[in-house]
Amino acid sequence: MLASIPIPLTAPSIRNEIGDLVLKANTLRDEAWQKEPEAIRQIESLASVKV
């Protein structure tokens, strides 16, 4: 039933733009994931400093 619903396709330029944004989002997500442990270490280090 769902297979019988027509889905319009956008222009190739728009599909490419969407694809580029998805790839950029994946790259940025990976970069954030890699930087997170160091950020946590830095915050924990600052929190453990006694004034």
N, C-alpha and C. Protein backbone atom coordinates (compact mmCIF):
# COMPACT_ATOMS: atom_id res chain seq x y z
N MET A 1 0.82 -1.19 0.00
CA MET A 1 0.00 0.00 0.00
C MET A 1 0.87 1.27 0.00
N LEU A 2 1.85 1.31 0.89
CA LEU A 2 2.73 2.48 0.94
C LEU A 2 3.53 2.60 -0.35
N ALA A 3 3.87 1.49 -0.95
CA ALA A 3 4.66 1.51 -2.19
C ALA A 3 3.90 2.14 -3.35
N SER A 4 2.60 2.25 -3.23
CA SER A 4 1.82 2.81 -4.33
C SER A 4 1.71 4.33 -4.26
N ILE A 5 2.26 4.95 -3.21
CA ILE A 5 2.19 6.41 -3.06
C ILE A 5 3.33 7.04 -3.86
N PRO A 6 3.02 7.88 -4.83
CA PRO A 6 4.10 8.51 -5.61
C PRO A 6 4.85 9.54 -4.77
N ILE A 7 6.16 9.54 -4.90
CA ILE A 7 7.01 10.48 -4.18
C ILE A 7 7.74 11.33 -5.22
N PRO A 8 7.50 12.62 -5.24
CA PRO A 8 8.17 13.47 -6.23
C PRO A 8 9.66 13.62 -5.91
N LEU A 9 10.46 13.69 -6.95
CA LEU A 9 11.90 13.89 -6.79
C LEU A 9 12.22 15.36 -7.03
N THR A 10 13.14 15.87 -6.24
CA THR A 10 13.59 17.25 -6.45
C THR A 10 14.63 17.27 -7.56
N ALA A 11 15.01 18.45 -7.96
CA ALA A 11 16.04 18.61 -8.97
C ALA A 11 17.36 18.03 -8.46
N PRO A 12 18.19 17.50 -9.35
CA PRO A 12 19.48 16.93 -8.93
C PRO A 12 20.32 17.91 -8.12
N SER A 13 20.28 19.19 -8.45
CA SER A 13 21.09 20.16 -7.70
C SER A 13 20.64 20.24 -6.25
N ILE A 14 19.35 20.15 -6.01
CA ILE A 14 18.83 20.19 -4.64
C ILE A 14 19.19 18.90 -3.91
N ARG A 15 19.08 17.77 -4.60
CA ARG A 15 19.46 16.49 -3.97
C ARG A 15 20.94 16.50 -3.61
N ASN A 16 21.76 17.07 -4.49
CA ASN A 16 23.21 17.14 -4.20
C ASN A 16 23.48 18.04 -3.00
N GLU A 17 22.76 19.15 -2.94
CA GLU A 17 22.94 20.07 -1.81
C GLU A 17 22.56 19.38 -0.50
N ILE A 18 21.46 18.66 -0.51
CA ILE A 18 21.03 17.93 0.69
C ILE A 18 22.08 16.88 1.06
N GLY A 19 22.57 16.16 0.06
CA GLY A 19 23.60 15.15 0.32
C GLY A 19 24.86 15.76 0.90
N ASP A 20 25.26 16.91 0.36
CA ASP A 20 26.45 17.60 0.89
C ASP A 20 26.24 18.02 2.35
N LEU A 21 25.04 18.49 2.66
CA LEU A 21 24.76 18.89 4.04
C LEU A 21 24.77 17.69 4.99
N VAL A 22 24.27 16.57 4.52
CA VAL A 22 24.29 15.35 5.33
C VAL A 22 25.73 14.91 5.60
N LEU A 23 26.56 14.93 4.56
CA LEU A 23 27.96 14.55 4.74
C LEU A 23 28.68 15.50 5.69
N LYS A 24 28.40 16.80 5.57
CA LYS A 24 29.02 17.78 6.46
C LYS A 24 28.58 17.55 7.90
N ALA A 25 27.29 17.26 8.09
CA ALA A 25 26.77 16.99 9.43
C ALA A 25 27.46 15.77 10.03
N ASN A 26 27.65 14.73 9.23
CA ASN A 26 28.33 13.53 9.72
C ASN A 26 29.77 13.83 10.12
N THR A 27 30.45 14.64 9.32
CA THR A 27 31.83 15.01 9.62
C THR A 27 31.90 15.80 10.92
N LEU A 28 31.01 16.77 11.07
CA LEU A 28 31.01 17.59 12.28
C LEU A 28 30.63 16.78 13.52
N ARG A 29 29.69 15.83 13.35
CA ARG A 29 29.30 14.96 14.46
C ARG A 29 30.48 14.11 14.91
N ASP A 30 31.23 13.58 13.94
CA ASP A 30 32.40 12.77 14.25
C ASP A 30 33.47 13.61 14.96
N GLU A 31 33.67 14.83 14.47
CA GLU A 31 34.65 15.72 15.09
C GLU A 31 34.26 16.03 16.53
N ALA A 32 33.00 16.31 16.75
CA ALA A 32 32.52 16.59 18.11
C ALA A 32 32.71 15.37 19.00
N TRP A 33 32.42 14.20 18.47
CA TRP A 33 32.56 12.96 19.24
C TRP A 33 34.02 12.75 19.65
N GLN A 34 34.95 13.08 18.75
CA GLN A 34 36.37 12.91 19.05
C GLN A 34 36.87 13.94 20.06
N LYS A 35 36.31 15.14 20.05
CA LYS A 35 36.77 16.20 20.95
C LYS A 35 36.12 16.13 22.33
N GLU A 36 35.00 15.45 22.44
CA GLU A 36 34.26 15.42 23.70
C GLU A 36 35.08 14.92 24.89
N PRO A 37 35.82 13.81 24.78
CA PRO A 37 36.57 13.33 25.96
C PRO A 37 37.57 14.36 26.49
N GLU A 38 38.25 15.07 25.59
CA GLU A 38 39.21 16.09 26.03
C GLU A 38 38.50 17.25 26.71
N ALA A 39 37.37 17.65 26.18
CA ALA A 39 36.60 18.72 26.81
C ALA A 39 36.16 18.32 28.20
N ILE A 40 35.73 17.09 28.35
CA ILE A 40 35.30 16.59 29.68
C ILE A 40 36.49 16.60 30.63
N ARG A 41 37.64 16.13 30.16
CA ARG A 41 38.85 16.12 31.02
C ARG A 41 39.20 17.54 31.47
N GLN A 42 39.11 18.51 30.54
CA GLN A 42 39.46 19.88 30.89
C GLN A 42 38.49 20.43 31.93
N ILE A 43 37.22 20.20 31.76
CA ILE A 43 36.23 20.69 32.71
C ILE A 43 36.42 20.02 34.08
N GLU A 44 36.66 18.71 34.07
CA GLU A 44 36.88 18.03 35.34
C GLU A 44 38.14 18.54 36.03
N SER A 45 39.16 18.85 35.23
CA SER A 45 40.39 19.39 35.79
C SER A 45 40.15 20.74 36.43
N LEU A 46 39.40 21.59 35.77
CA LEU A 46 39.08 22.91 36.32
C LEU A 46 38.20 22.80 37.57
N ALA A 47 37.30 21.85 37.57
CA ALA A 47 36.40 21.68 38.70
C ALA A 47 37.14 21.15 39.93
N SER A 48 38.25 20.46 39.71
CA SER A 48 38.97 19.88 40.85
C SER A 48 39.99 20.86 41.44
N VAL A 49 40.21 21.98 40.79
CA VAL A 49 41.14 23.00 41.31
C VAL A 49 40.50 23.67 42.52
N LYS A 50 41.25 23.68 43.64
CA LYS A 50 40.73 24.31 44.84
C LYS A 50 41.16 25.77 44.89
N VAL A 51 40.23 26.61 45.25
CA VAL A 51 40.48 28.04 45.28
C VAL A 51 41.07 28.44 46.60
